[in-house]
Amino acid sequence: MELSNIGRISVGLNADLILFKARYFSELLSRSQSDRIVLRRGKPINTNLPDYADLDNLVLVNREHNQSM
């Protein structure tokens, strides 16, 4: 594993991080932070939750797997 770059910020390194609108840990922990920005490789990802109907196939597959055990 390449762990020597964990926690480092530098040109050319992956930028996987979360940006919050909080000044202190108390502010960070006291709200849901739904306005956070998640960066993967320096680009914001979509953090919108999927519709429940879009998750039906995942739930059904899990249920069938657990019943066959």
C-alpha atoms as a PDB file:
ATOM      1  CA  MET A   1       0.000   0.000   0.000  1.00  0.00           C
ATOM      2  CA  GLU A   2       1.154   3.499  -0.825  1.00  0.00           C
ATOM      3  CA  LEU A   3       0.545   5.208   2.538  1.00  0.00           C
ATOM      4  CA  SER A   4       3.364   7.745   2.403  1.00  0.00           C
ATOM      5  CA  ASN A   5       1.041  10.359   0.820  1.00  0.00           C
ATOM      6  CA  ILE A   6      -1.823  10.000   3.317  1.00  0.00           C
ATOM      7  CA  GLY A   7      -2.711  13.407   4.753  1.00  0.00           C
ATOM      8  CA  ARG A   8      -0.400  15.283   2.398  1.00  0.00           C
ATOM      9  CA  ILE A   9      -1.359  18.084   0.030  1.00  0.00           C
ATOM     10  CA  SER A  10       0.823  18.565  -3.019  1.00  0.00           C
ATOM     11  CA  VAL A  11       0.591  19.032  -6.777  1.00  0.00           C
ATOM     12  CA  GLY A  12      -0.032  15.705  -8.486  1.00  0.00           C
ATOM     13  CA  LEU A  13      -1.393  13.882  -5.411  1.00  0.00           C
ATOM     14  CA  ASN A  14      -4.994  12.678  -5.171  1.00  0.00           C
ATOM     15  CA  ALA A  15      -7.306  15.211  -3.583  1.00  0.00           C
ATOM     16  CA  ASP A  16      -9.852  13.032  -1.786  1.00  0.00           C
ATOM     17  CA  LEU A  17     -11.409  15.170   0.920  1.00  0.00           C
ATOM     18  CA  ILE A  18     -14.598  16.673   2.324  1.00  0.00           C
ATOM     19  CA  LEU A  19     -15.178  20.429   2.643  1.00  0.00           C
ATOM     20  CA  PHE A  20     -17.488  21.656   5.409  1.00  0.00           C
ATOM     21  CA  LYS A  21     -18.898  25.088   6.216  1.00  0.00           C
ATOM     22  CA  ALA A  22     -17.877  24.962   9.862  1.00  0.00           C
ATOM     23  CA  ARG A  23     -15.372  27.021  11.803  1.00  0.00           C
ATOM     24  CA  TYR A  24     -15.100  24.732  14.830  1.00  0.00           C
ATOM     25  CA  PHE A  25     -15.647  21.046  15.580  1.00  0.00           C
ATOM     26  CA  SER A  26     -18.726  22.001  17.634  1.00  0.00           C
ATOM     27  CA  GLU A  27     -20.288  23.547  14.508  1.00  0.00           C
ATOM     28  CA  LEU A  28     -19.289  20.547  12.400  1.00  0.00           C
ATOM     29  CA  LEU A  29     -20.883  18.065  14.800  1.00  0.00           C
ATOM     30  CA  SER A  30     -24.021  20.058  15.617  1.00  0.00           C
ATOM     31  CA  ARG A  31     -25.476  20.080  12.082  1.00  0.00           C
ATOM     32  CA  SER A  32     -26.132  17.506   9.399  1.00  0.00           C
ATOM     33  CA  GLN A  33     -23.593  19.051   6.970  1.00  0.00           C
ATOM     34  CA  SER A  34     -25.871  18.388   3.998  1.00  0.00           C
ATOM     35  CA  ASP A  35     -24.131  21.247   2.185  1.00  0.00           C
ATOM     36  CA  ARG A  36     -20.735  19.526   2.335  1.00  0.00           C
ATOM     37  CA  ILE A  37     -18.630  19.121  -0.796  1.00  0.00           C
ATOM     38  CA  VAL A  38     -16.987  15.742  -1.358  1.00  0.00           C
ATOM     39  CA  LEU A  39     -13.956  15.742  -3.645  1.00  0.00           C
ATOM     40  CA  ARG A  40     -12.563  12.622  -5.341  1.00  0.00           C
ATOM     41  CA  ARG A  41      -9.340  13.178  -7.221  1.00  0.00           C
ATOM     42  CA  GLY A  42      -9.920  16.910  -6.904  1.00  0.00           C
ATOM     43  CA  LYS A  43     -13.392  16.956  -8.475  1.00  0.00           C
ATOM     44  CA  PRO A  44     -16.730  17.281  -6.661  1.00  0.00           C
ATOM     45  CA  ILE A  45     -18.911  14.162  -6.736  1.00  0.00           C
ATOM     46  CA  ASN A  46     -22.700  13.965  -6.762  1.00  0.00           C
ATOM     47  CA  THR A  47     -23.879  13.661  -3.153  1.00  0.00           C
ATOM     48  CA  ASN A  48     -27.614  13.655  -3.906  1.00  0.00           C
ATOM     49  CA  LEU A  49     -29.347  10.655  -2.406  1.00  0.00           C
ATOM     50  CA  PRO A  50     -31.022   8.279  -4.876  1.00  0.00           C
ATOM     51  CA  ASP A  51     -34.772   7.799  -4.988  1.00  0.00           C
ATOM     52  CA  TYR A  52     -35.921   4.812  -2.903  1.00  0.00           C
ATOM     53  CA  ALA A  53     -37.275   3.120  -6.040  1.00  0.00           C
ATOM     54  CA  ASP A  54     -33.763   3.137  -7.500  1.00  0.00           C
ATOM     55  CA  LEU A  55     -32.594   1.038  -4.546  1.00  0.00           C
ATOM     56  CA  ASP A  56     -35.235  -1.708  -4.881  1.00  0.00           C
ATOM     57  CA  ASN A  57     -32.981  -3.999  -6.914  1.00  0.00           C
ATOM     58  CA  LEU A  58     -30.248  -3.788  -4.293  1.00  0.00           C
ATOM     59  CA  VAL A  59     -32.625  -4.645  -1.466  1.00  0.00           C
ATOM     60  CA  LEU A  60     -34.228  -7.527  -3.360  1.00  0.00           C
ATOM     61  CA  VAL A  61     -30.854  -9.051  -4.246  1.00  0.00           C
ATOM     62  CA  ASN A  62     -29.754  -8.847  -0.592  1.00  0.00           C
ATOM     63  CA  ARG A  63     -33.006 -10.365   0.619  1.00  0.00           C
ATOM     64  CA  GLU A  64     -32.776 -13.278  -1.832  1.00  0.00           C
ATOM     65  CA  HIS A  65     -29.129 -13.898  -0.877  1.00  0.00           C
ATOM     66  CA  ASN A  66     -29.939 -13.970   2.852  1.00  0.00           C
ATOM     67  CA  GLN A  67     -32.883 -16.344   2.356  1.00  0.00           C
ATOM     68  CA  SER A  68     -30.750 -18.855   0.440  1.00  0.00           C
ATOM     69  CA  MET A  69     -28.250 -19.155   3.317  1.00  0.00           C
END
